[in-house]
Amino acid sequence: MSASLVTVAYLGAAILFVLSLGGLSNPETSRRGNLLGMIGMAIAVLATVFGPRVHISGLGWIVLALVIGGGIGLWAARIG
């Protein structure tokens, strides 16, 4: 993925994050706001992983960090 495409993806993710904050401010639109935030985060993570600065040797560390962070998040969601 080229650097300019990564920049456009980051810009799109930032716009989705701002829209998600607006959606989360009202209980009636909170589901849509949450969805926009999740889509924005997915775009940002994918742009980072497939961007030009990540080499194949670093993908294992990224996957490890995602698994650890996801496990902690799942644990925190179940006890809270």
N, C-alpha and C. Protein backbone atom coordinates (compact mmCIF):
# COMPACT_ATOMS: atom_id res chain seq x y z
N MET A 1 0.85 -1.16 0.00
CA MET A 1 0.00 0.00 0.00
C MET A 1 0.90 1.23 0.00
N SER A 2 0.60 2.19 -0.85
CA SER A 2 1.45 3.38 -0.97
C SER A 2 1.24 4.32 0.21
N ALA A 3 2.19 5.20 0.41
CA ALA A 3 2.13 6.14 1.53
C ALA A 3 0.95 7.10 1.38
N SER A 4 0.63 7.50 0.16
CA SER A 4 -0.49 8.42 -0.03
C SER A 4 -1.83 7.73 0.26
N LEU A 5 -1.94 6.46 -0.07
CA LEU A 5 -3.17 5.73 0.24
C LEU A 5 -3.32 5.54 1.75
N VAL A 6 -2.22 5.32 2.45
CA VAL A 6 -2.26 5.21 3.91
C VAL A 6 -2.72 6.53 4.51
N THR A 7 -2.22 7.64 3.98
CA THR A 7 -2.62 8.96 4.47
C THR A 7 -4.12 9.19 4.27
N VAL A 8 -4.63 8.82 3.13
CA VAL A 8 -6.07 8.96 2.87
C VAL A 8 -6.87 8.07 3.82
N ALA A 9 -6.38 6.86 4.08
CA ALA A 9 -7.07 5.96 5.01
C ALA A 9 -7.09 6.54 6.42
N TYR A 10 -5.96 7.13 6.86
CA TYR A 10 -5.91 7.77 8.17
C TYR A 10 -6.87 8.95 8.25
N LEU A 11 -6.96 9.72 7.19
CA LEU A 11 -7.87 10.86 7.16
C LEU A 11 -9.33 10.38 7.26
N GLY A 12 -9.66 9.34 6.50
CA GLY A 12 -11.00 8.76 6.58
C GLY A 12 -11.31 8.21 7.97
N ALA A 13 -10.33 7.57 8.59
CA ALA A 13 -10.53 7.04 9.93
C ALA A 13 -10.74 8.16 10.92
N ALA A 14 -9.98 9.25 10.78
CA ALA A 14 -10.15 10.39 11.69
C ALA A 14 -11.53 11.01 11.56
N ILE A 15 -12.03 11.10 10.34
CA ILE A 15 -13.38 11.63 10.13
C ILE A 15 -14.41 10.73 10.77
N LEU A 16 -14.24 9.42 10.63
CA LEU A 16 -15.17 8.48 11.26
C LEU A 16 -15.12 8.57 12.78
N PHE A 17 -13.93 8.79 13.34
CA PHE A 17 -13.81 8.94 14.79
C PHE A 17 -14.57 10.17 15.28
N VAL A 18 -14.44 11.28 14.55
CA VAL A 18 -15.15 12.50 14.94
C VAL A 18 -16.66 12.29 14.83
N LEU A 19 -17.10 11.64 13.77
CA LEU A 19 -18.53 11.35 13.62
C LEU A 19 -19.03 10.41 14.71
N SER A 20 -18.18 9.48 15.12
CA SER A 20 -18.59 8.55 16.18
C SER A 20 -18.77 9.28 17.50
N LEU A 21 -17.93 10.26 17.78
CA LEU A 21 -18.09 11.04 19.01
C LEU A 21 -19.41 11.81 19.00
N GLY A 22 -19.77 12.34 17.85
CA GLY A 22 -21.06 13.02 17.74
C GLY A 22 -22.22 12.05 17.93
N GLY A 23 -22.08 10.86 17.41
CA GLY A 23 -23.14 9.86 17.57
C GLY A 23 -23.26 9.34 18.99
N LEU A 24 -22.15 9.27 19.70
CA LEU A 24 -22.18 8.75 21.06
C LEU A 24 -22.74 9.75 22.07
N SER A 25 -22.90 11.00 21.65
CA SER A 25 -23.39 12.01 22.58
C SER A 25 -24.89 11.93 22.80
N ASN A 26 -25.59 11.14 22.02
CA ASN A 26 -27.03 11.02 22.13
C ASN A 26 -27.40 9.53 22.25
N PRO A 27 -28.22 9.16 23.22
CA PRO A 27 -28.57 7.73 23.37
C PRO A 27 -29.25 7.13 22.14
N GLU A 28 -29.99 7.95 21.39
CA GLU A 28 -30.71 7.42 20.23
C GLU A 28 -29.79 7.10 19.06
N THR A 29 -28.64 7.75 19.00
CA THR A 29 -27.71 7.53 17.89
C THR A 29 -26.43 6.82 18.34
N SER A 30 -26.43 6.29 19.55
CA SER A 30 -25.20 5.70 20.08
C SER A 30 -24.78 4.43 19.34
N ARG A 31 -25.72 3.65 18.86
CA ARG A 31 -25.35 2.44 18.11
C ARG A 31 -24.62 2.81 16.82
N ARG A 32 -25.14 3.81 16.13
CA ARG A 32 -24.49 4.26 14.90
C ARG A 32 -23.12 4.85 15.21
N GLY A 33 -23.02 5.63 16.28
CA GLY A 33 -21.74 6.21 16.67
C GLY A 33 -20.72 5.14 17.00
N ASN A 34 -21.15 4.10 17.70
CA ASN A 34 -20.25 3.00 18.03
C ASN A 34 -19.79 2.27 16.77
N LEU A 35 -20.70 2.07 15.84
CA LEU A 35 -20.35 1.41 14.58
C LEU A 35 -19.35 2.23 13.78
N LEU A 36 -19.56 3.54 13.72
CA LEU A 36 -18.63 4.40 13.00
C LEU A 36 -17.24 4.36 13.64
N GLY A 37 -17.18 4.33 14.95
CA GLY A 37 -15.90 4.23 15.63
C GLY A 37 -15.20 2.91 15.34
N MET A 38 -15.95 1.82 15.32
CA MET A 38 -15.35 0.52 15.02
C MET A 38 -14.83 0.47 13.58
N ILE A 39 -15.59 1.02 12.65
CA ILE A 39 -15.14 1.04 11.26
C ILE A 39 -13.88 1.90 11.12
N GLY A 40 -13.87 3.05 11.78
CA GLY A 40 -12.70 3.92 11.73
C GLY A 40 -11.47 3.25 12.30
N MET A 41 -11.63 2.53 13.40
CA MET A 41 -10.49 1.85 14.01
C MET A 41 -10.01 0.71 13.12
N ALA A 42 -10.92 -0.01 12.50
CA ALA A 42 -10.52 -1.09 11.59
C ALA A 42 -9.73 -0.54 10.41
N ILE A 43 -10.18 0.58 9.86
CA ILE A 43 -9.46 1.20 8.74
C ILE A 43 -8.07 1.63 9.19
N ALA A 44 -7.96 2.24 10.36
CA ALA A 44 -6.66 2.71 10.86
C ALA A 44 -5.71 1.54 11.10
N VAL A 45 -6.21 0.46 11.68
CA VAL A 45 -5.35 -0.70 11.95
C VAL A 45 -4.90 -1.35 10.64
N LEU A 46 -5.81 -1.51 9.71
CA LEU A 46 -5.45 -2.12 8.42
C LEU A 46 -4.46 -1.25 7.65
N ALA A 47 -4.65 0.08 7.69
CA ALA A 47 -3.71 0.97 7.00
C ALA A 47 -2.34 0.89 7.64
N THR A 48 -2.29 0.72 8.96
CA THR A 48 -0.99 0.60 9.63
C THR A 48 -0.32 -0.73 9.30
N VAL A 49 -1.08 -1.81 9.38
CA VAL A 49 -0.50 -3.14 9.15
C VAL A 49 -0.02 -3.30 7.71
N PHE A 50 -0.80 -2.81 6.76
CA PHE A 50 -0.44 -3.00 5.35
C PHE A 50 0.27 -1.79 4.76
N GLY A 51 0.66 -0.86 5.60
CA GLY A 51 1.38 0.33 5.14
C GLY A 51 2.81 0.02 4.75
N PRO A 52 3.47 1.00 4.14
CA PRO A 52 4.82 0.76 3.63
C PRO A 52 5.90 0.66 4.71
N ARG A 53 5.62 1.05 5.94
CA ARG A 53 6.64 1.04 6.97
C ARG A 53 6.67 -0.25 7.78
N VAL A 54 5.71 -1.15 7.57
CA VAL A 54 5.68 -2.42 8.30
C VAL A 54 6.25 -3.51 7.39
N HIS A 55 7.25 -4.21 7.89
CA HIS A 55 7.86 -5.29 7.13
C HIS A 55 7.26 -6.61 7.58
N ILE A 56 7.45 -7.63 6.79
CA ILE A 56 6.88 -8.94 7.08
C ILE A 56 7.38 -9.48 8.41
N SER A 57 8.58 -9.12 8.81
CA SER A 57 9.11 -9.60 10.08
C SER A 57 8.39 -8.99 11.27
N GLY A 58 7.74 -7.85 11.09
CA GLY A 58 7.03 -7.20 12.19
C GLY A 58 5.59 -7.66 12.36
N LEU A 59 5.06 -8.40 11.40
CA LEU A 59 3.68 -8.82 11.48
C LEU A 59 3.41 -9.75 12.66
N GLY A 60 4.37 -10.58 13.00
CA GLY A 60 4.20 -11.46 14.16
C GLY A 60 4.01 -10.68 15.45
N TRP A 61 4.77 -9.60 15.59
CA TRP A 61 4.63 -8.76 16.80
C TRP A 61 3.27 -8.06 16.83
N ILE A 62 2.80 -7.65 15.66
CA ILE A 62 1.49 -7.00 15.60
C ILE A 62 0.38 -7.97 15.97
N VAL A 63 0.46 -9.18 15.45
CA VAL A 63 -0.55 -10.20 15.77
C VAL A 63 -0.49 -10.54 17.26
N LEU A 64 0.70 -10.67 17.81
CA LEU A 64 0.84 -10.95 19.24
C LEU A 64 0.21 -9.84 20.08
N ALA A 65 0.46 -8.59 19.71
CA ALA A 65 -0.11 -7.46 20.45
C ALA A 65 -1.63 -7.44 20.34
N LEU A 66 -2.17 -7.77 19.16
CA LEU A 66 -3.62 -7.82 18.99
C LEU A 66 -4.25 -8.92 19.85
N VAL A 67 -3.60 -10.07 19.91
CA VAL A 67 -4.12 -11.18 20.71
C VAL A 67 -4.08 -10.83 22.20
N ILE A 68 -2.99 -10.27 22.66
CA ILE A 68 -2.88 -9.90 24.07
C ILE A 68 -3.89 -8.81 24.42
N GLY A 69 -3.96 -7.76 23.60
CA GLY A 69 -4.90 -6.68 23.85
C GLY A 69 -6.35 -7.14 23.78
N GLY A 70 -6.65 -8.00 22.82
CA GLY A 70 -8.01 -8.55 22.72
C GLY A 70 -8.36 -9.42 23.90
N GLY A 71 -7.40 -10.20 24.38
CA GLY A 71 -7.65 -11.04 25.56
C GLY A 71 -7.91 -10.20 26.81
N ILE A 72 -7.12 -9.15 26.99
CA ILE A 72 -7.32 -8.27 28.14
C ILE A 72 -8.67 -7.56 28.03
N GLY A 73 -9.02 -7.10 26.83
CA GLY A 73 -10.31 -6.45 26.62
C GLY A 73 -11.48 -7.39 26.88
N LEU A 74 -11.36 -8.62 26.42
CA LEU A 74 -12.42 -9.60 26.66
C LEU A 74 -12.55 -9.90 28.15
N TRP A 75 -11.41 -10.06 28.82
CA TRP A 75 -11.43 -10.30 30.27
C TRP A 75 -12.07 -9.13 31.01
N ALA A 76 -11.71 -7.91 30.64
CA ALA A 76 -12.25 -6.73 31.31
C ALA A 76 -13.75 -6.59 31.05
N ALA A 77 -14.19 -6.94 29.86
CA ALA A 77 -15.61 -6.84 29.53
C ALA A 77 -16.43 -7.87 30.31
N ARG A 78 -15.86 -9.02 30.56
CA ARG A 78 -16.62 -10.06 31.26
C ARG A 78 -16.72 -9.82 32.76
N ILE A 79 -15.69 -9.19 33.35
CA ILE A 79 -15.76 -8.95 34.80
C ILE A 79 -16.46 -7.64 35.13
N GLY A 80 -16.58 -6.74 34.15
CA GLY A 80 -17.17 -5.43 34.40
C GLY A 80 -18.59 -5.44 34.08
